[in-house]
N, C-alpha and C. Protein backbone atom coordinates (compact mmCIF):
# COMPACT_ATOMS: atom_id res chain seq x y z
N MET A 1 0.85 -1.18 0.00
CA MET A 1 0.00 0.00 0.00
C MET A 1 0.89 1.24 0.00
N SER A 2 0.46 2.24 -0.71
CA SER A 2 1.19 3.50 -0.78
C SER A 2 1.09 4.24 0.54
N SER A 3 2.16 4.97 0.84
CA SER A 3 2.16 5.72 2.10
C SER A 3 1.43 7.05 1.99
N SER A 4 1.24 7.53 0.79
CA SER A 4 0.53 8.80 0.62
C SER A 4 -0.36 8.72 -0.61
N LEU A 5 -1.32 9.60 -0.66
CA LEU A 5 -2.18 9.66 -1.84
C LEU A 5 -1.35 10.01 -3.06
N THR A 6 -0.40 10.90 -2.91
CA THR A 6 0.47 11.28 -4.02
C THR A 6 1.19 10.06 -4.58
N ASP A 7 1.72 9.22 -3.69
CA ASP A 7 2.39 8.00 -4.14
C ASP A 7 1.42 7.10 -4.91
N ALA A 8 0.21 6.94 -4.38
CA ALA A 8 -0.79 6.10 -5.04
C ALA A 8 -1.13 6.65 -6.42
N LEU A 9 -1.31 7.94 -6.54
CA LEU A 9 -1.63 8.55 -7.82
C LEU A 9 -0.48 8.38 -8.81
N ASN A 10 0.74 8.56 -8.33
CA ASN A 10 1.91 8.41 -9.19
C ASN A 10 2.09 6.96 -9.64
N GLU A 11 1.88 6.01 -8.74
CA GLU A 11 2.00 4.60 -9.10
C GLU A 11 1.02 4.21 -10.20
N LEU A 12 -0.16 4.80 -10.15
CA LEU A 12 -1.20 4.50 -11.14
C LEU A 12 -1.10 5.37 -12.39
N HIS A 13 -0.20 6.33 -12.39
CA HIS A 13 -0.13 7.32 -13.48
C HIS A 13 -1.50 7.92 -13.72
N ALA A 14 -2.14 8.32 -12.64
CA ALA A 14 -3.52 8.80 -12.68
C ALA A 14 -3.63 10.14 -13.39
N ASP A 15 -4.53 10.20 -14.34
CA ASP A 15 -4.85 11.45 -15.01
C ASP A 15 -6.09 12.04 -14.32
N PRO A 16 -6.48 13.26 -14.67
CA PRO A 16 -7.65 13.86 -14.02
C PRO A 16 -8.91 13.01 -14.11
N ASP A 17 -9.12 12.32 -15.22
CA ASP A 17 -10.30 11.48 -15.35
C ASP A 17 -10.26 10.34 -14.34
N THR A 18 -9.09 9.75 -14.13
CA THR A 18 -8.95 8.68 -13.14
C THR A 18 -9.28 9.19 -11.75
N VAL A 19 -8.81 10.39 -11.43
CA VAL A 19 -9.07 10.98 -10.12
C VAL A 19 -10.57 11.20 -9.93
N GLN A 20 -11.21 11.79 -10.91
CA GLN A 20 -12.64 12.09 -10.80
C GLN A 20 -13.49 10.82 -10.75
N GLN A 21 -13.18 9.86 -11.61
CA GLN A 21 -13.94 8.61 -11.61
C GLN A 21 -13.64 7.81 -10.34
N GLY A 22 -12.39 7.86 -9.87
CA GLY A 22 -12.03 7.19 -8.62
C GLY A 22 -12.80 7.77 -7.45
N LEU A 23 -12.92 9.09 -7.40
CA LEU A 23 -13.70 9.72 -6.34
C LEU A 23 -15.16 9.28 -6.41
N ARG A 24 -15.69 9.21 -7.62
CA ARG A 24 -17.08 8.78 -7.80
C ARG A 24 -17.27 7.37 -7.25
N LEU A 25 -16.35 6.46 -7.57
CA LEU A 25 -16.44 5.08 -7.06
C LEU A 25 -16.28 5.03 -5.54
N PHE A 26 -15.32 5.79 -5.02
CA PHE A 26 -15.10 5.82 -3.57
C PHE A 26 -16.34 6.32 -2.85
N MET A 27 -16.91 7.42 -3.31
CA MET A 27 -18.10 7.97 -2.66
C MET A 27 -19.29 7.03 -2.80
N SER A 28 -19.39 6.34 -3.91
CA SER A 28 -20.47 5.38 -4.08
C SER A 28 -20.36 4.28 -3.03
N GLU A 29 -19.14 3.79 -2.83
CA GLU A 29 -18.94 2.75 -1.82
C GLU A 29 -19.20 3.27 -0.41
N GLN A 30 -18.72 4.46 -0.11
CA GLN A 30 -18.83 5.01 1.23
C GLN A 30 -20.26 5.40 1.60
N THR A 31 -21.09 5.66 0.62
CA THR A 31 -22.46 6.11 0.89
C THR A 31 -23.51 5.07 0.51
N ASN A 32 -23.08 3.84 0.29
CA ASN A 32 -24.01 2.78 -0.14
C ASN A 32 -24.79 3.20 -1.38
N ASP A 33 -24.06 3.73 -2.34
CA ASP A 33 -24.60 4.06 -3.66
C ASP A 33 -25.65 5.18 -3.68
N LEU A 34 -25.43 6.22 -2.90
CA LEU A 34 -26.30 7.39 -3.04
C LEU A 34 -26.23 7.88 -4.48
N THR A 35 -27.34 8.27 -5.02
CA THR A 35 -27.35 8.84 -6.37
C THR A 35 -26.96 10.31 -6.28
N PRO A 36 -26.53 10.90 -7.39
CA PRO A 36 -26.26 12.33 -7.36
C PRO A 36 -27.47 13.15 -6.91
N THR A 37 -28.67 12.72 -7.27
CA THR A 37 -29.89 13.42 -6.85
C THR A 37 -30.02 13.38 -5.33
N GLU A 38 -29.75 12.21 -4.73
CA GLU A 38 -29.82 12.08 -3.28
C GLU A 38 -28.72 12.91 -2.59
N MET A 39 -27.52 12.93 -3.19
CA MET A 39 -26.43 13.74 -2.64
C MET A 39 -26.81 15.21 -2.63
N LEU A 40 -27.34 15.67 -3.75
CA LEU A 40 -27.74 17.07 -3.87
C LEU A 40 -28.86 17.40 -2.88
N ALA A 41 -29.82 16.50 -2.74
CA ALA A 41 -30.92 16.73 -1.80
C ALA A 41 -30.39 16.85 -0.37
N GLU A 42 -29.43 16.00 0.00
CA GLU A 42 -28.87 16.08 1.35
C GLU A 42 -28.15 17.41 1.56
N MET A 43 -27.35 17.81 0.57
CA MET A 43 -26.65 19.09 0.72
C MET A 43 -27.63 20.25 0.81
N LYS A 44 -28.67 20.23 -0.02
CA LYS A 44 -29.67 21.31 0.02
C LYS A 44 -30.36 21.36 1.37
N SER A 45 -30.63 20.20 1.94
CA SER A 45 -31.32 20.18 3.23
C SER A 45 -30.44 20.70 4.36
N LYS A 46 -29.14 20.65 4.20
CA LYS A 46 -28.21 21.10 5.24
C LYS A 46 -27.65 22.49 4.96
N ALA A 47 -27.83 22.99 3.76
CA ALA A 47 -27.26 24.29 3.39
C ALA A 47 -28.01 25.43 4.06
N ARG A 48 -27.27 26.43 4.47
CA ARG A 48 -27.89 27.64 5.01
C ARG A 48 -28.66 28.37 3.92
N ASP A 49 -28.16 28.29 2.70
CA ASP A 49 -28.78 28.98 1.58
C ASP A 49 -28.76 28.04 0.36
N PRO A 50 -29.83 27.26 0.14
CA PRO A 50 -29.85 26.32 -0.98
C PRO A 50 -29.66 26.97 -2.35
N GLU A 51 -30.10 28.22 -2.49
CA GLU A 51 -29.90 28.91 -3.77
C GLU A 51 -28.42 29.19 -4.01
N GLU A 52 -27.69 29.55 -2.97
CA GLU A 52 -26.25 29.77 -3.11
C GLU A 52 -25.55 28.45 -3.45
N LEU A 53 -26.01 27.36 -2.87
CA LEU A 53 -25.46 26.05 -3.19
C LEU A 53 -25.64 25.77 -4.68
N GLU A 54 -26.82 26.03 -5.21
CA GLU A 54 -27.09 25.83 -6.64
C GLU A 54 -26.17 26.71 -7.51
N GLN A 55 -25.96 27.95 -7.10
CA GLN A 55 -25.08 28.84 -7.85
C GLN A 55 -23.64 28.32 -7.86
N LEU A 56 -23.17 27.86 -6.70
CA LEU A 56 -21.82 27.32 -6.63
C LEU A 56 -21.69 26.06 -7.46
N LEU A 57 -22.71 25.23 -7.43
CA LEU A 57 -22.70 24.01 -8.22
C LEU A 57 -22.69 24.33 -9.71
N ALA A 58 -23.44 25.33 -10.12
CA ALA A 58 -23.45 25.73 -11.53
C ALA A 58 -22.06 26.19 -11.97
N ARG A 59 -21.38 26.92 -11.10
CA ARG A 59 -20.02 27.36 -11.43
C ARG A 59 -19.07 26.18 -11.49
N LEU A 60 -19.22 25.24 -10.58
CA LEU A 60 -18.35 24.07 -10.56
C LEU A 60 -18.56 23.21 -11.80
N ARG A 61 -19.82 23.08 -12.25
CA ARG A 61 -20.12 22.28 -13.45
C ARG A 61 -19.39 22.79 -14.68
N GLU A 62 -19.05 24.05 -14.69
CA GLU A 62 -18.41 24.66 -15.85
C GLU A 62 -16.89 24.64 -15.78
N ASP A 63 -16.33 24.08 -14.73
CA ASP A 63 -14.88 24.17 -14.53
C ASP A 63 -14.29 22.80 -14.17
N ASN A 64 -13.86 22.07 -15.20
CA ASN A 64 -13.33 20.73 -14.99
C ASN A 64 -12.08 20.76 -14.10
N ALA A 65 -11.27 21.79 -14.21
CA ALA A 65 -10.08 21.88 -13.35
C ALA A 65 -10.48 22.02 -11.88
N ALA A 66 -11.54 22.75 -11.62
CA ALA A 66 -12.02 22.89 -10.23
C ALA A 66 -12.61 21.58 -9.73
N ILE A 67 -13.30 20.84 -10.60
CA ILE A 67 -13.82 19.53 -10.21
C ILE A 67 -12.65 18.63 -9.83
N ASN A 68 -11.59 18.66 -10.62
CA ASN A 68 -10.42 17.84 -10.32
C ASN A 68 -9.77 18.27 -9.01
N GLN A 69 -9.66 19.57 -8.80
CA GLN A 69 -9.08 20.08 -7.56
C GLN A 69 -9.93 19.65 -6.37
N ALA A 70 -11.24 19.71 -6.50
CA ALA A 70 -12.13 19.28 -5.43
C ALA A 70 -11.99 17.78 -5.19
N ALA A 71 -11.87 17.01 -6.26
CA ALA A 71 -11.71 15.56 -6.12
C ALA A 71 -10.40 15.23 -5.40
N LEU A 72 -9.32 15.88 -5.79
CA LEU A 72 -8.03 15.64 -5.13
C LEU A 72 -8.08 16.03 -3.66
N ALA A 73 -8.67 17.17 -3.38
CA ALA A 73 -8.74 17.63 -1.99
C ALA A 73 -9.61 16.68 -1.14
N SER A 74 -10.68 16.20 -1.71
CA SER A 74 -11.57 15.28 -0.99
C SER A 74 -10.88 13.95 -0.74
N LEU A 75 -10.20 13.43 -1.75
CA LEU A 75 -9.48 12.17 -1.58
C LEU A 75 -8.36 12.32 -0.55
N GLU A 76 -7.67 13.45 -0.58
CA GLU A 76 -6.60 13.69 0.39
C GLU A 76 -7.16 13.76 1.80
N ALA A 77 -8.29 14.39 1.97
CA ALA A 77 -8.91 14.46 3.29
C ALA A 77 -9.34 13.07 3.76
N ALA A 78 -9.93 12.29 2.87
CA ALA A 78 -10.35 10.94 3.23
C ALA A 78 -9.14 10.06 3.52
N TRP A 79 -8.02 10.32 2.85
CA TRP A 79 -6.79 9.54 3.02
C TRP A 79 -6.26 9.65 4.46
N THR A 80 -6.61 10.69 5.17
CA THR A 80 -6.13 10.84 6.54
C THR A 80 -6.67 9.74 7.45
N ASP A 81 -7.72 9.05 7.03
CA ASP A 81 -8.25 7.91 7.76
C ASP A 81 -7.59 6.65 7.19
N PRO A 82 -6.66 6.04 7.93
CA PRO A 82 -5.95 4.86 7.40
C PRO A 82 -6.88 3.74 6.94
N SER A 83 -8.04 3.62 7.55
CA SER A 83 -8.96 2.55 7.15
C SER A 83 -9.60 2.82 5.79
N ALA A 84 -9.58 4.08 5.33
CA ALA A 84 -10.16 4.42 4.03
C ALA A 84 -9.17 4.22 2.88
N ARG A 85 -7.90 4.14 3.19
CA ARG A 85 -6.86 4.08 2.14
C ARG A 85 -7.02 2.91 1.18
N PRO A 86 -7.26 1.68 1.65
CA PRO A 86 -7.43 0.59 0.69
C PRO A 86 -8.59 0.83 -0.27
N SER A 87 -9.67 1.38 0.24
CA SER A 87 -10.82 1.66 -0.61
C SER A 87 -10.50 2.74 -1.63
N ILE A 88 -9.78 3.76 -1.21
CA ILE A 88 -9.39 4.83 -2.15
C ILE A 88 -8.50 4.26 -3.24
N GLN A 89 -7.52 3.47 -2.84
CA GLN A 89 -6.61 2.89 -3.83
C GLN A 89 -7.37 1.98 -4.80
N ALA A 90 -8.26 1.15 -4.29
CA ALA A 90 -9.04 0.27 -5.16
C ALA A 90 -9.92 1.08 -6.10
N SER A 91 -10.52 2.15 -5.59
CA SER A 91 -11.37 3.00 -6.43
C SER A 91 -10.57 3.64 -7.56
N LEU A 92 -9.39 4.10 -7.24
CA LEU A 92 -8.54 4.70 -8.27
C LEU A 92 -8.07 3.64 -9.28
N ARG A 93 -7.72 2.47 -8.77
CA ARG A 93 -7.23 1.39 -9.63
C ARG A 93 -8.32 0.93 -10.61
N HIS A 94 -9.58 0.94 -10.15
CA HIS A 94 -10.67 0.46 -10.99
C HIS A 94 -11.48 1.58 -11.63
N ALA A 95 -10.98 2.78 -11.57
CA ALA A 95 -11.72 3.95 -12.07
C ALA A 95 -12.10 3.84 -13.53
N LYS A 96 -11.27 3.18 -14.32
CA LYS A 96 -11.55 3.10 -15.75
C LYS A 96 -12.06 1.74 -16.18
N ASP A 97 -12.34 0.87 -15.20
CA ASP A 97 -12.86 -0.46 -15.52
C ASP A 97 -14.31 -0.41 -15.94
N LYS A 98 -15.07 0.50 -15.36
CA LYS A 98 -16.50 0.61 -15.66
C LYS A 98 -16.71 1.76 -16.64
N LEU A 99 -17.88 1.80 -17.20
CA LEU A 99 -18.22 2.88 -18.11
C LEU A 99 -18.11 4.20 -17.35
N PRO A 100 -17.26 5.10 -17.81
CA PRO A 100 -17.05 6.34 -17.05
C PRO A 100 -18.24 7.30 -17.16
N VAL A 101 -18.39 8.07 -16.12
CA VAL A 101 -19.37 9.16 -16.15
C VAL A 101 -18.65 10.34 -16.79
N ILE A 102 -19.20 10.83 -17.87
CA ILE A 102 -18.54 11.95 -18.54
C ILE A 102 -19.32 13.25 -18.39
N GLU A 103 -20.51 13.17 -17.82
CA GLU A 103 -21.30 14.37 -17.63
C GLU A 103 -20.74 15.18 -16.46
N LEU A 104 -20.29 16.40 -16.76
CA LEU A 104 -19.69 17.23 -15.73
C LEU A 104 -20.67 17.56 -14.61
N GLY A 105 -21.96 17.60 -14.90
CA GLY A 105 -22.94 17.88 -13.86
C GLY A 105 -22.92 16.82 -12.76
N ILE A 106 -22.83 15.56 -13.16
CA ILE A 106 -22.78 14.47 -12.17
C ILE A 106 -21.47 14.53 -11.41
N LEU A 107 -20.36 14.69 -12.13
CA LEU A 107 -19.06 14.76 -11.47
C LEU A 107 -18.98 15.96 -10.53
N ALA A 108 -19.60 17.06 -10.90
CA ALA A 108 -19.59 18.25 -10.04
C ALA A 108 -20.36 17.98 -8.75
N ILE A 109 -21.51 17.32 -8.85
CA ILE A 109 -22.28 17.00 -7.65
C ILE A 109 -21.48 16.06 -6.75
N VAL A 110 -20.88 15.04 -7.33
CA VAL A 110 -20.09 14.09 -6.54
C VAL A 110 -18.92 14.80 -5.87
N ALA A 111 -18.23 15.67 -6.62
CA ALA A 111 -17.09 16.40 -6.05
C ALA A 111 -17.54 17.32 -4.92
N MET A 112 -18.66 18.01 -5.11
CA MET A 112 -19.15 18.91 -4.07
C MET A 112 -19.60 18.11 -2.85
N TYR A 113 -20.27 16.99 -3.09
CA TYR A 113 -20.71 16.16 -1.98
C TYR A 113 -19.52 15.59 -1.22
N ALA A 114 -18.49 15.21 -1.94
CA ALA A 114 -17.28 14.69 -1.30
C ALA A 114 -16.62 15.76 -0.44
N MET A 115 -16.59 17.00 -0.92
CA MET A 115 -16.05 18.09 -0.10
C MET A 115 -16.90 18.25 1.15
N TYR A 116 -18.20 18.21 0.98
CA TYR A 116 -19.13 18.34 2.10
C TYR A 116 -18.91 17.25 3.14
N ARG A 117 -18.70 16.02 2.67
CA ARG A 117 -18.57 14.89 3.60
C ARG A 117 -17.15 14.66 4.11
N CYS A 118 -16.14 14.98 3.32
CA CYS A 118 -14.77 14.57 3.64
C CYS A 118 -13.87 15.66 4.21
N ILE A 119 -14.11 16.89 3.85
CA ILE A 119 -13.12 17.93 4.14
C ILE A 119 -13.58 18.82 5.29
N PRO A 120 -12.88 18.75 6.39
CA PRO A 120 -13.19 19.71 7.46
C PRO A 120 -12.69 21.09 7.04
N ALA A 121 -13.45 22.10 7.37
CA ALA A 121 -13.01 23.46 7.08
C ALA A 121 -11.72 23.73 7.86
N GLN A 122 -10.78 24.34 7.20
CA GLN A 122 -9.49 24.62 7.83
C GLN A 122 -9.54 25.99 8.50
N PRO A 123 -9.14 26.05 9.77
CA PRO A 123 -9.15 27.36 10.43
C PRO A 123 -8.11 28.28 9.81
N THR A 124 -8.51 29.53 9.58
CA THR A 124 -7.58 30.51 9.06
C THR A 124 -7.13 31.46 10.16
N LYS A 125 -7.92 31.51 11.22
CA LYS A 125 -7.56 32.39 12.33
C LYS A 125 -8.17 31.81 13.60
N THR A 126 -7.33 31.66 14.60
CA THR A 126 -7.79 31.20 15.90
C THR A 126 -7.39 32.24 16.93
N THR A 127 -8.35 32.73 17.70
CA THR A 127 -8.09 33.72 18.72
C THR A 127 -8.53 33.15 20.07
N THR A 128 -7.60 33.15 21.01
CA THR A 128 -7.91 32.68 22.35
C THR A 128 -7.80 33.85 23.32
N THR A 129 -8.83 34.02 24.12
CA THR A 129 -8.86 35.10 25.10
C THR A 129 -9.08 34.49 26.48
N ILE A 130 -8.23 34.90 27.42
CA ILE A 130 -8.40 34.47 28.81
C ILE A 130 -8.77 35.70 29.61
N ALA A 131 -9.84 35.56 30.39
CA ALA A 131 -10.31 36.72 31.16
C ALA A 131 -10.64 36.28 32.58
N ALA A 132 -10.42 37.20 33.49
CA ALA A 132 -10.77 36.95 34.89
C ALA A 132 -12.21 37.38 35.12
N GLY A 133 -12.97 36.52 35.77
CA GLY A 133 -14.35 36.83 36.07
C GLY A 133 -14.46 37.57 37.40
N LYS A 134 -15.64 38.08 37.70
CA LYS A 134 -15.88 38.80 38.95
C LYS A 134 -15.63 37.92 40.17
N ASP A 135 -15.79 36.61 39.98
CA ASP A 135 -15.59 35.69 41.09
C ASP A 135 -14.13 35.27 41.26
N GLY A 136 -13.25 35.80 40.40
CA GLY A 136 -11.83 35.47 40.49
C GLY A 136 -11.42 34.27 39.65
N ASN A 137 -12.38 33.57 39.08
CA ASN A 137 -12.06 32.44 38.21
C ASN A 137 -11.79 32.93 36.80
N TYR A 138 -10.90 32.22 36.13
CA TYR A 138 -10.56 32.58 34.76
C TYR A 138 -11.38 31.75 33.79
N THR A 139 -11.73 32.37 32.69
CA THR A 139 -12.41 31.66 31.61
C THR A 139 -11.61 31.86 30.34
N GLN A 140 -11.68 30.85 29.51
CA GLN A 140 -10.98 30.92 28.23
C GLN A 140 -12.00 30.81 27.12
N THR A 141 -11.90 31.68 26.15
CA THR A 141 -12.78 31.67 24.99
C THR A 141 -11.91 31.55 23.75
N THR A 142 -12.23 30.60 22.90
CA THR A 142 -11.50 30.43 21.65
C THR A 142 -12.46 30.66 20.49
N THR A 143 -12.07 31.54 19.59
CA THR A 143 -12.84 31.83 18.40
C THR A 143 -12.05 31.33 17.20
N VAL A 144 -12.70 30.50 16.38
CA VAL A 144 -12.04 29.94 15.21
C VAL A 144 -12.78 30.44 13.97
N GLU A 145 -12.03 31.03 13.05
CA GLU A 145 -12.60 31.47 11.78
C GLU A 145 -12.12 30.52 10.70
N HIS A 146 -12.98 30.23 9.73
CA HIS A 146 -12.65 29.30 8.66
C HIS A 146 -12.75 30.00 7.31
N GLU A 147 -11.91 29.59 6.40
CA GLU A 147 -11.98 30.05 5.03
C GLU A 147 -11.87 28.83 4.13
N PRO A 148 -12.79 28.61 3.23
CA PRO A 148 -12.70 27.48 2.33
C PRO A 148 -11.44 27.55 1.47
N PHE A 149 -11.04 26.42 0.91
CA PHE A 149 -9.77 26.30 0.23
C PHE A 149 -9.86 26.45 -1.27
N LEU A 150 -10.99 26.24 -1.88
CA LEU A 150 -11.10 26.30 -3.32
C LEU A 150 -11.67 27.63 -3.78
N PRO A 151 -10.99 28.32 -4.67
CA PRO A 151 -11.49 29.62 -5.10
C PRO A 151 -12.89 29.58 -5.68
N ILE A 152 -13.22 28.57 -6.47
CA ILE A 152 -14.53 28.54 -7.11
C ILE A 152 -15.65 28.32 -6.10
N VAL A 153 -15.33 27.77 -4.97
CA VAL A 153 -16.35 27.55 -3.95
C VAL A 153 -15.98 28.30 -2.68
N SER A 154 -15.60 29.54 -2.85
CA SER A 154 -15.13 30.33 -1.71
C SER A 154 -16.18 30.46 -0.62
N ALA A 155 -17.44 30.35 -0.98
CA ALA A 155 -18.50 30.45 0.03
C ALA A 155 -18.97 29.07 0.49
N PHE A 156 -18.41 28.01 -0.04
CA PHE A 156 -18.90 26.66 0.24
C PHE A 156 -18.90 26.32 1.72
N GLY A 157 -17.83 26.60 2.41
CA GLY A 157 -17.73 26.25 3.83
C GLY A 157 -18.74 26.95 4.71
N ARG A 158 -19.22 28.10 4.29
CA ARG A 158 -20.20 28.85 5.07
C ARG A 158 -21.63 28.39 4.80
N LEU A 159 -21.80 27.50 3.84
CA LEU A 159 -23.14 27.05 3.49
C LEU A 159 -23.73 26.07 4.49
N PHE A 160 -22.88 25.39 5.23
CA PHE A 160 -23.36 24.28 6.05
C PHE A 160 -23.05 24.50 7.51
N THR A 161 -24.01 24.16 8.34
CA THR A 161 -23.82 24.10 9.78
C THR A 161 -23.93 22.63 10.13
N ARG A 162 -22.80 22.04 10.52
CA ARG A 162 -22.78 20.62 10.82
C ARG A 162 -23.15 20.39 12.28
N THR A 163 -23.84 19.31 12.53
CA THR A 163 -24.21 18.93 13.89
C THR A 163 -23.27 17.88 14.46
N ASP A 164 -22.26 17.51 13.65
CA ASP A 164 -21.37 16.44 14.07
C ASP A 164 -19.96 16.94 14.36
N GLY A 165 -19.84 18.15 14.86
CA GLY A 165 -18.52 18.62 15.26
C GLY A 165 -17.95 19.71 14.39
N GLY A 166 -18.75 20.39 13.61
CA GLY A 166 -18.21 21.50 12.86
C GLY A 166 -18.54 21.40 11.40
N GLU A 167 -17.84 22.19 10.61
CA GLU A 167 -18.05 22.22 9.18
C GLU A 167 -17.11 21.20 8.56
N GLY A 168 -17.66 20.16 7.95
CA GLY A 168 -16.84 19.07 7.45
C GLY A 168 -16.52 18.15 8.60
N SER A 169 -16.27 16.87 8.31
CA SER A 169 -16.11 15.94 9.41
C SER A 169 -15.09 14.86 9.19
N GLY A 170 -14.21 15.00 8.24
CA GLY A 170 -13.25 13.93 8.01
C GLY A 170 -13.83 12.95 7.01
N ALA A 171 -13.36 11.71 7.04
CA ALA A 171 -13.79 10.70 6.08
C ALA A 171 -15.30 10.48 6.16
N PRO A 172 -15.93 10.21 5.04
CA PRO A 172 -17.38 10.06 5.05
C PRO A 172 -17.79 8.83 5.83
N SER A 173 -18.94 8.93 6.48
CA SER A 173 -19.47 7.78 7.18
C SER A 173 -20.23 6.93 6.18
N LYS A 174 -20.27 5.64 6.44
CA LYS A 174 -21.00 4.76 5.53
C LYS A 174 -22.48 4.86 5.80
N GLY A 175 -23.26 4.64 4.77
CA GLY A 175 -24.70 4.61 4.94
C GLY A 175 -25.36 5.81 4.32
N LYS A 176 -26.56 5.63 3.92
CA LYS A 176 -27.32 6.73 3.31
C LYS A 176 -27.70 7.73 4.37
N GLY A 177 -27.64 9.03 3.93
CA GLY A 177 -28.13 10.11 4.78
C GLY A 177 -27.29 10.44 5.86
């Protein structure tokens, strides 16, 4: 097994199509075959602004390089879970075995859903304040600000309020919904 996603991609001589199709297979396995329609419905139900989600998705559908960047970032985030690595490698290895999805709309939904499920928002600024209370006890307050990583989806991270520990949650959990 490769020690890094980069090694795995290099061993396979993966092109952008392999990365995108591999992500599609990986997400299919991780979500028990959610359809793109079901993925989109879940994101819309969790989005603070479903119309903004649609606008971002429309922009992503038009930019194959951004879809690839989102796929790579999602796979890299999922790779941080050692138990997901064999599945990622198998998905990449078999990405071209099945009839590929060539419709950018489907690949865009899968890439966006993978970002939603796999990538925790990265803090860009953390501020910690310690203050003494009237009773003499100290309290600590930490404020964390996040900025999404992909230019085309600069507002993506602000679209969702997660109930499972923040925006983004690491490797996707198995099962629908």
